[in-house]
Amino acid sequence: MIGRLNHVAIAVPDLEAAQAMYRDTLGANVGAPQDEPDHGVTVVFIELPNTKIELLYPLGDDSPIAGFLEKNPSGGIHHVCYEVDDIIASRDHLAGQGARILGGGEPKIGAHGKPVLFLHPKDFNGTLIELEQV
């Protein structure tokens, strides 16, 4: 059901410093910041030959990333995103297998302009999973 790895998301306490580290130290192609108010984050995508890294920074006081950074002040891996062909069919299959779909189970539009869903980390070995329809 899942396809290729779309990105690994890393929550960061200092977005500019993280961008500089990937751009200047690692020599990566770092995109521009984009605010995603529906998700409470500012994101920056780092393009790699085989996938992407998504830097996440809190947007607003009620951002879920702010809570993550309170528990992990240095930042860290927040979620892994896999591609799926049909997000509704994937949701229904996963729910039928007992997986918990976060946010009421209805897809939202993600940073790539495509429908996304998140799966409860307790159902996936402690890893928050994002599914993105491609």
N, C-alpha and C. Protein backbone atom coordinates (compact mmCIF):
# COMPACT_ATOMS: atom_id res chain seq x y z
N MET A 1 0.81 -1.19 0.00
CA MET A 1 0.00 0.00 0.00
C MET A 1 0.85 1.26 0.00
N ILE A 2 1.86 1.34 0.91
CA ILE A 2 2.68 2.55 0.91
C ILE A 2 3.65 2.52 -0.25
N GLY A 3 3.94 3.70 -0.73
CA GLY A 3 4.89 3.85 -1.83
C GLY A 3 6.23 4.34 -1.31
N ARG A 4 6.83 5.19 -2.08
CA ARG A 4 8.17 5.64 -1.74
C ARG A 4 8.15 6.60 -0.56
N LEU A 5 9.30 6.72 0.09
CA LEU A 5 9.48 7.67 1.17
C LEU A 5 9.45 9.07 0.56
N ASN A 6 8.51 9.90 1.00
CA ASN A 6 8.42 11.25 0.47
C ASN A 6 9.36 12.19 1.23
N HIS A 7 9.33 12.14 2.56
CA HIS A 7 10.24 12.97 3.34
C HIS A 7 10.32 12.50 4.79
N VAL A 8 11.37 12.95 5.44
CA VAL A 8 11.53 12.80 6.88
C VAL A 8 11.45 14.22 7.45
N ALA A 9 10.56 14.43 8.42
CA ALA A 9 10.36 15.75 9.00
C ALA A 9 11.13 15.87 10.32
N ILE A 10 11.84 16.99 10.45
CA ILE A 10 12.64 17.25 11.64
C ILE A 10 12.18 18.57 12.24
N ALA A 11 11.74 18.53 13.49
CA ALA A 11 11.38 19.75 14.22
C ALA A 11 12.66 20.44 14.65
N VAL A 12 12.72 21.76 14.46
CA VAL A 12 13.93 22.51 14.79
C VAL A 12 13.58 23.72 15.65
N PRO A 13 14.44 24.03 16.64
CA PRO A 13 14.19 25.19 17.49
C PRO A 13 14.61 26.51 16.85
N ASP A 14 15.47 26.45 15.83
CA ASP A 14 15.97 27.66 15.16
C ASP A 14 15.99 27.36 13.66
N LEU A 15 15.00 27.85 12.95
CA LEU A 15 14.84 27.53 11.54
C LEU A 15 15.99 28.07 10.70
N GLU A 16 16.41 29.30 10.96
CA GLU A 16 17.51 29.88 10.17
C GLU A 16 18.80 29.11 10.37
N ALA A 17 19.10 28.72 11.59
CA ALA A 17 20.33 27.96 11.87
C ALA A 17 20.27 26.59 11.18
N ALA A 18 19.10 25.96 11.21
CA ALA A 18 18.95 24.65 10.57
C ALA A 18 19.12 24.77 9.06
N GLN A 19 18.52 25.80 8.46
CA GLN A 19 18.67 26.01 7.02
C GLN A 19 20.15 26.20 6.67
N ALA A 20 20.84 27.02 7.45
CA ALA A 20 22.25 27.29 7.19
C ALA A 20 23.09 26.03 7.31
N MET A 21 22.77 25.19 8.30
CA MET A 21 23.54 23.96 8.48
C MET A 21 23.39 23.05 7.27
N TYR A 22 22.16 22.87 6.79
CA TYR A 22 21.96 22.01 5.63
C TYR A 22 22.55 22.63 4.37
N ARG A 23 22.39 23.94 4.21
CA ARG A 23 22.87 24.62 3.00
C ARG A 23 24.40 24.75 3.02
N ASP A 24 24.95 25.33 4.09
CA ASP A 24 26.37 25.70 4.12
C ASP A 24 27.28 24.56 4.55
N THR A 25 26.86 23.78 5.52
CA THR A 25 27.71 22.70 6.03
C THR A 25 27.57 21.43 5.18
N LEU A 26 26.33 21.06 4.87
CA LEU A 26 26.10 19.82 4.12
C LEU A 26 25.98 20.03 2.62
N GLY A 27 25.87 21.28 2.17
CA GLY A 27 25.82 21.56 0.73
C GLY A 27 24.52 21.16 0.06
N ALA A 28 23.42 21.16 0.81
CA ALA A 28 22.13 20.73 0.26
C ALA A 28 21.39 21.89 -0.40
N ASN A 29 20.45 21.54 -1.27
CA ASN A 29 19.56 22.49 -1.91
C ASN A 29 18.41 22.77 -0.94
N VAL A 30 18.40 23.96 -0.34
CA VAL A 30 17.43 24.32 0.69
C VAL A 30 16.41 25.27 0.10
N GLY A 31 15.13 24.92 0.21
CA GLY A 31 14.05 25.76 -0.30
C GLY A 31 13.75 26.93 0.63
N ALA A 32 12.80 27.74 0.21
CA ALA A 32 12.36 28.89 1.00
C ALA A 32 11.34 28.46 2.05
N PRO A 33 11.29 29.16 3.18
CA PRO A 33 10.28 28.86 4.19
C PRO A 33 8.87 29.12 3.66
N GLN A 34 7.94 28.27 4.05
CA GLN A 34 6.54 28.50 3.71
C GLN A 34 5.69 28.22 4.94
N ASP A 35 4.81 29.16 5.24
CA ASP A 35 3.90 29.01 6.37
C ASP A 35 2.74 28.12 5.97
N GLU A 36 2.39 27.21 6.88
CA GLU A 36 1.26 26.30 6.70
C GLU A 36 0.34 26.49 7.90
N PRO A 37 -0.50 27.54 7.87
CA PRO A 37 -1.35 27.85 9.03
C PRO A 37 -2.30 26.73 9.43
N ASP A 38 -2.79 25.94 8.47
CA ASP A 38 -3.70 24.84 8.81
C ASP A 38 -3.02 23.77 9.65
N HIS A 39 -1.70 23.71 9.59
CA HIS A 39 -0.95 22.71 10.34
C HIS A 39 -0.14 23.33 11.48
N GLY A 40 -0.15 24.66 11.58
CA GLY A 40 0.56 25.34 12.67
C GLY A 40 2.06 25.28 12.55
N VAL A 41 2.59 25.26 11.32
CA VAL A 41 4.03 25.15 11.14
C VAL A 41 4.52 26.05 10.00
N THR A 42 5.79 26.37 10.08
CA THR A 42 6.54 26.89 8.95
C THR A 42 7.44 25.75 8.51
N VAL A 43 7.46 25.48 7.21
CA VAL A 43 8.27 24.36 6.69
C VAL A 43 9.30 24.86 5.71
N VAL A 44 10.39 24.13 5.65
CA VAL A 44 11.43 24.33 4.65
C VAL A 44 11.78 22.94 4.13
N PHE A 45 11.75 22.77 2.82
CA PHE A 45 12.10 21.49 2.23
C PHE A 45 13.53 21.51 1.72
N ILE A 46 14.24 20.44 2.02
CA ILE A 46 15.60 20.23 1.55
C ILE A 46 15.53 19.10 0.54
N GLU A 47 15.90 19.41 -0.69
CA GLU A 47 15.82 18.43 -1.77
C GLU A 47 17.07 17.57 -1.79
N LEU A 48 16.87 16.27 -1.73
CA LEU A 48 17.95 15.30 -1.84
C LEU A 48 17.71 14.49 -3.12
N PRO A 49 18.72 13.79 -3.61
CA PRO A 49 18.51 13.03 -4.85
C PRO A 49 17.41 11.98 -4.75
N ASN A 50 17.19 11.40 -3.56
CA ASN A 50 16.24 10.29 -3.44
C ASN A 50 15.03 10.58 -2.55
N THR A 51 14.99 11.73 -1.90
CA THR A 51 13.88 12.08 -1.02
C THR A 51 14.01 13.53 -0.60
N LYS A 52 13.30 13.92 0.45
CA LYS A 52 13.39 15.28 0.98
C LYS A 52 13.49 15.21 2.51
N ILE A 53 14.05 16.27 3.06
CA ILE A 53 13.99 16.51 4.50
C ILE A 53 13.08 17.72 4.66
N GLU A 54 12.16 17.66 5.61
CA GLU A 54 11.27 18.77 5.89
C GLU A 54 11.62 19.32 7.27
N LEU A 55 12.07 20.57 7.31
CA LEU A 55 12.32 21.22 8.59
C LEU A 55 11.01 21.84 9.05
N LEU A 56 10.65 21.59 10.31
CA LEU A 56 9.41 22.10 10.89
C LEU A 56 9.72 23.08 12.00
N TYR A 57 9.04 24.22 11.97
CA TYR A 57 9.21 25.24 12.99
C TYR A 57 7.82 25.71 13.40
N PRO A 58 7.59 25.97 14.70
CA PRO A 58 6.26 26.36 15.15
C PRO A 58 5.76 27.65 14.49
N LEU A 59 4.50 27.65 14.12
CA LEU A 59 3.82 28.83 13.60
C LEU A 59 2.65 29.10 14.54
N GLY A 60 2.84 30.03 15.46
CA GLY A 60 1.80 30.35 16.44
C GLY A 60 1.99 29.58 17.74
N ASP A 61 1.33 30.08 18.76
CA ASP A 61 1.48 29.50 20.10
C ASP A 61 0.87 28.12 20.26
N ASP A 62 -0.15 27.80 19.45
CA ASP A 62 -0.82 26.50 19.59
C ASP A 62 -0.29 25.47 18.59
N SER A 63 0.88 25.72 18.05
CA SER A 63 1.49 24.78 17.10
C SER A 63 1.82 23.46 17.78
N PRO A 64 1.51 22.33 17.14
CA PRO A 64 1.91 21.04 17.71
C PRO A 64 3.43 20.90 17.79
N ILE A 65 4.14 21.64 16.97
CA ILE A 65 5.61 21.57 16.99
C ILE A 65 6.16 22.27 18.23
N ALA A 66 5.47 23.29 18.72
CA ALA A 66 5.91 23.95 19.96
C ALA A 66 5.91 22.95 21.11
N GLY A 67 4.87 22.14 21.20
CA GLY A 67 4.81 21.11 22.23
C GLY A 67 5.91 20.08 22.07
N PHE A 68 6.17 19.68 20.83
CA PHE A 68 7.25 18.72 20.56
C PHE A 68 8.59 19.29 21.02
N LEU A 69 8.83 20.58 20.72
CA LEU A 69 10.10 21.20 21.08
C LEU A 69 10.23 21.42 22.58
N GLU A 70 9.10 21.56 23.29
CA GLU A 70 9.17 21.64 24.75
C GLU A 70 9.73 20.35 25.33
N LYS A 71 9.31 19.22 24.75
CA LYS A 71 9.79 17.92 25.21
C LYS A 71 11.17 17.57 24.65
N ASN A 72 11.51 18.16 23.50
CA ASN A 72 12.77 17.89 22.80
C ASN A 72 13.40 19.23 22.40
N PRO A 73 14.00 19.95 23.35
CA PRO A 73 14.46 21.31 23.08
C PRO A 73 15.49 21.43 21.96
N SER A 74 16.23 20.39 21.70
CA SER A 74 17.21 20.43 20.61
C SER A 74 16.59 20.09 19.26
N GLY A 75 15.31 19.71 19.26
CA GLY A 75 14.64 19.28 18.04
C GLY A 75 14.78 17.77 17.87
N GLY A 76 14.38 17.29 16.70
CA GLY A 76 14.50 15.87 16.43
C GLY A 76 13.51 15.43 15.36
N ILE A 77 13.60 14.16 15.01
CA ILE A 77 12.70 13.62 13.99
C ILE A 77 11.28 13.66 14.51
N HIS A 78 10.40 14.25 13.73
CA HIS A 78 9.00 14.40 14.11
C HIS A 78 8.12 13.35 13.46
N HIS A 79 8.28 13.14 12.14
CA HIS A 79 7.48 12.13 11.44
C HIS A 79 8.16 11.68 10.15
N VAL A 80 7.62 10.60 9.62
CA VAL A 80 8.06 10.04 8.34
C VAL A 80 6.85 10.06 7.42
N CYS A 81 7.06 10.51 6.18
CA CYS A 81 5.95 10.61 5.23
C CYS A 81 6.14 9.62 4.09
N TYR A 82 5.10 8.81 3.86
CA TYR A 82 5.08 7.85 2.76
C TYR A 82 4.03 8.27 1.74
N GLU A 83 4.30 7.99 0.50
CA GLU A 83 3.35 8.27 -0.57
C GLU A 83 2.35 7.13 -0.71
N VAL A 84 1.11 7.49 -1.04
CA VAL A 84 0.07 6.52 -1.35
C VAL A 84 -0.66 6.99 -2.61
N ASP A 85 -1.21 6.03 -3.35
CA ASP A 85 -1.94 6.38 -4.57
C ASP A 85 -3.33 6.94 -4.27
N ASP A 86 -3.99 6.38 -3.26
CA ASP A 86 -5.37 6.77 -2.95
C ASP A 86 -5.48 6.91 -1.43
N ILE A 87 -5.53 8.14 -0.96
CA ILE A 87 -5.49 8.38 0.48
C ILE A 87 -6.75 7.88 1.18
N ILE A 88 -7.89 7.95 0.52
CA ILE A 88 -9.14 7.48 1.14
C ILE A 88 -9.13 5.96 1.26
N ALA A 89 -8.73 5.27 0.20
CA ALA A 89 -8.64 3.81 0.25
C ALA A 89 -7.61 3.38 1.30
N SER A 90 -6.49 4.10 1.38
CA SER A 90 -5.47 3.79 2.38
C SER A 90 -6.01 4.00 3.78
N ARG A 91 -6.71 5.12 3.99
CA ARG A 91 -7.31 5.40 5.30
C ARG A 91 -8.28 4.30 5.70
N ASP A 92 -9.13 3.92 4.77
CA ASP A 92 -10.14 2.91 5.08
C ASP A 92 -9.51 1.56 5.38
N HIS A 93 -8.48 1.20 4.62
CA HIS A 93 -7.77 -0.06 4.86
C HIS A 93 -7.12 -0.04 6.25
N LEU A 94 -6.41 1.05 6.55
CA LEU A 94 -5.71 1.15 7.83
C LEU A 94 -6.69 1.15 9.00
N ALA A 95 -7.78 1.89 8.89
CA ALA A 95 -8.78 1.90 9.94
C ALA A 95 -9.36 0.51 10.15
N GLY A 96 -9.56 -0.21 9.05
CA GLY A 96 -10.05 -1.58 9.14
C GLY A 96 -9.07 -2.52 9.83
N GLN A 97 -7.80 -2.15 9.81
CA GLN A 97 -6.76 -2.94 10.49
C GLN A 97 -6.55 -2.48 11.93
N GLY A 98 -7.33 -1.48 12.35
CA GLY A 98 -7.24 -1.01 13.73
C GLY A 98 -6.33 0.19 13.94
N ALA A 99 -5.76 0.74 12.88
CA ALA A 99 -4.90 1.91 13.03
C ALA A 99 -5.74 3.14 13.34
N ARG A 100 -5.22 3.99 14.19
CA ARG A 100 -5.91 5.24 14.53
C ARG A 100 -5.45 6.36 13.60
N ILE A 101 -6.43 6.99 12.97
CA ILE A 101 -6.17 8.11 12.07
C ILE A 101 -6.37 9.38 12.89
N LEU A 102 -5.39 10.25 12.89
CA LEU A 102 -5.47 11.48 13.68
C LEU A 102 -6.30 12.54 12.98
N GLY A 103 -6.76 13.52 13.76
CA GLY A 103 -7.46 14.67 13.20
C GLY A 103 -8.83 14.38 12.66
N GLY A 104 -9.52 13.39 13.17
CA GLY A 104 -10.87 13.09 12.71
C GLY A 104 -10.93 12.24 11.46
N GLY A 105 -9.80 11.90 10.89
CA GLY A 105 -9.77 10.98 9.75
C GLY A 105 -10.00 11.60 8.39
N GLU A 106 -10.21 12.91 8.33
CA GLU A 106 -10.40 13.55 7.03
C GLU A 106 -9.09 14.16 6.56
N PRO A 107 -8.71 13.92 5.31
CA PRO A 107 -7.45 14.49 4.82
C PRO A 107 -7.47 16.01 4.82
N LYS A 108 -6.30 16.58 5.06
CA LYS A 108 -6.07 18.02 4.92
C LYS A 108 -5.09 18.20 3.76
N ILE A 109 -5.02 19.40 3.26
CA ILE A 109 -4.04 19.69 2.21
C ILE A 109 -2.72 20.01 2.89
N GLY A 110 -1.67 19.30 2.47
CA GLY A 110 -0.35 19.46 3.07
C GLY A 110 0.50 20.49 2.35
N ALA A 111 1.76 20.56 2.73
CA ALA A 111 2.68 21.57 2.22
C ALA A 111 2.95 21.44 0.72
N HIS A 112 2.74 20.25 0.15
CA HIS A 112 2.93 20.06 -1.28
C HIS A 112 1.64 20.29 -2.07
N GLY A 113 0.58 20.74 -1.37
CA GLY A 113 -0.69 20.97 -2.04
C GLY A 113 -1.47 19.71 -2.32
N LYS A 114 -1.13 18.62 -1.63
CA LYS A 114 -1.78 17.33 -1.83
C LYS A 114 -2.41 16.86 -0.53
N PRO A 115 -3.42 15.99 -0.59
CA PRO A 115 -4.07 15.50 0.64
C PRO A 115 -3.11 14.67 1.50
N VAL A 116 -3.19 14.91 2.81
CA VAL A 116 -2.36 14.18 3.77
C VAL A 116 -3.22 13.72 4.95
N LEU A 117 -2.76 12.66 5.59
CA LEU A 117 -3.33 12.15 6.85
C LEU A 117 -2.17 11.75 7.75
N PHE A 118 -2.43 11.76 9.06
CA PHE A 118 -1.43 11.31 10.02
C PHE A 118 -1.98 10.11 10.79
N LEU A 119 -1.08 9.18 11.09
CA LEU A 119 -1.43 7.96 11.81
C LEU A 119 -0.80 7.99 13.20
N HIS A 120 -1.53 7.52 14.18
CA HIS A 120 -1.09 7.58 15.57
C HIS A 120 0.23 6.84 15.76
N PRO A 121 1.21 7.49 16.40
CA PRO A 121 2.51 6.84 16.58
C PRO A 121 2.48 5.58 17.43
N LYS A 122 1.53 5.48 18.35
CA LYS A 122 1.47 4.27 19.19
C LYS A 122 1.11 3.03 18.38
N ASP A 123 0.55 3.23 17.20
CA ASP A 123 0.20 2.10 16.34
C ASP A 123 1.33 1.71 15.40
N PHE A 124 2.41 2.52 15.38
CA PHE A 124 3.49 2.30 14.42
C PHE A 124 4.86 2.44 15.08
N ASN A 125 5.05 1.65 16.14
CA ASN A 125 6.34 1.56 16.81
C ASN A 125 6.87 2.91 17.29
N GLY A 126 5.97 3.79 17.73
CA GLY A 126 6.38 5.08 18.26
C GLY A 126 6.69 6.13 17.21
N THR A 127 6.36 5.86 15.95
CA THR A 127 6.66 6.80 14.87
C THR A 127 5.37 7.40 14.32
N LEU A 128 5.31 8.73 14.31
CA LEU A 128 4.21 9.42 13.67
C LEU A 128 4.38 9.25 12.16
N ILE A 129 3.34 8.75 11.51
CA ILE A 129 3.37 8.49 10.07
C ILE A 129 2.45 9.48 9.37
N GLU A 130 2.96 10.10 8.32
CA GLU A 130 2.14 10.92 7.44
C GLU A 130 1.98 10.17 6.13
N LEU A 131 0.77 10.15 5.61
CA LEU A 131 0.52 9.62 4.27
C LEU A 131 0.18 10.79 3.36
N GLU A 132 0.77 10.80 2.19
CA GLU A 132 0.51 11.87 1.22
C GLU A 132 0.09 11.23 -0.10
N GLN A 133 -1.07 11.66 -0.61
CA GLN A 133 -1.54 11.14 -1.90
C GLN A 133 -0.71 11.77 -3.02
N VAL A 134 -0.25 10.92 -3.93
CA VAL A 134 0.54 11.43 -5.07
C VAL A 134 -0.20 11.20 -6.37
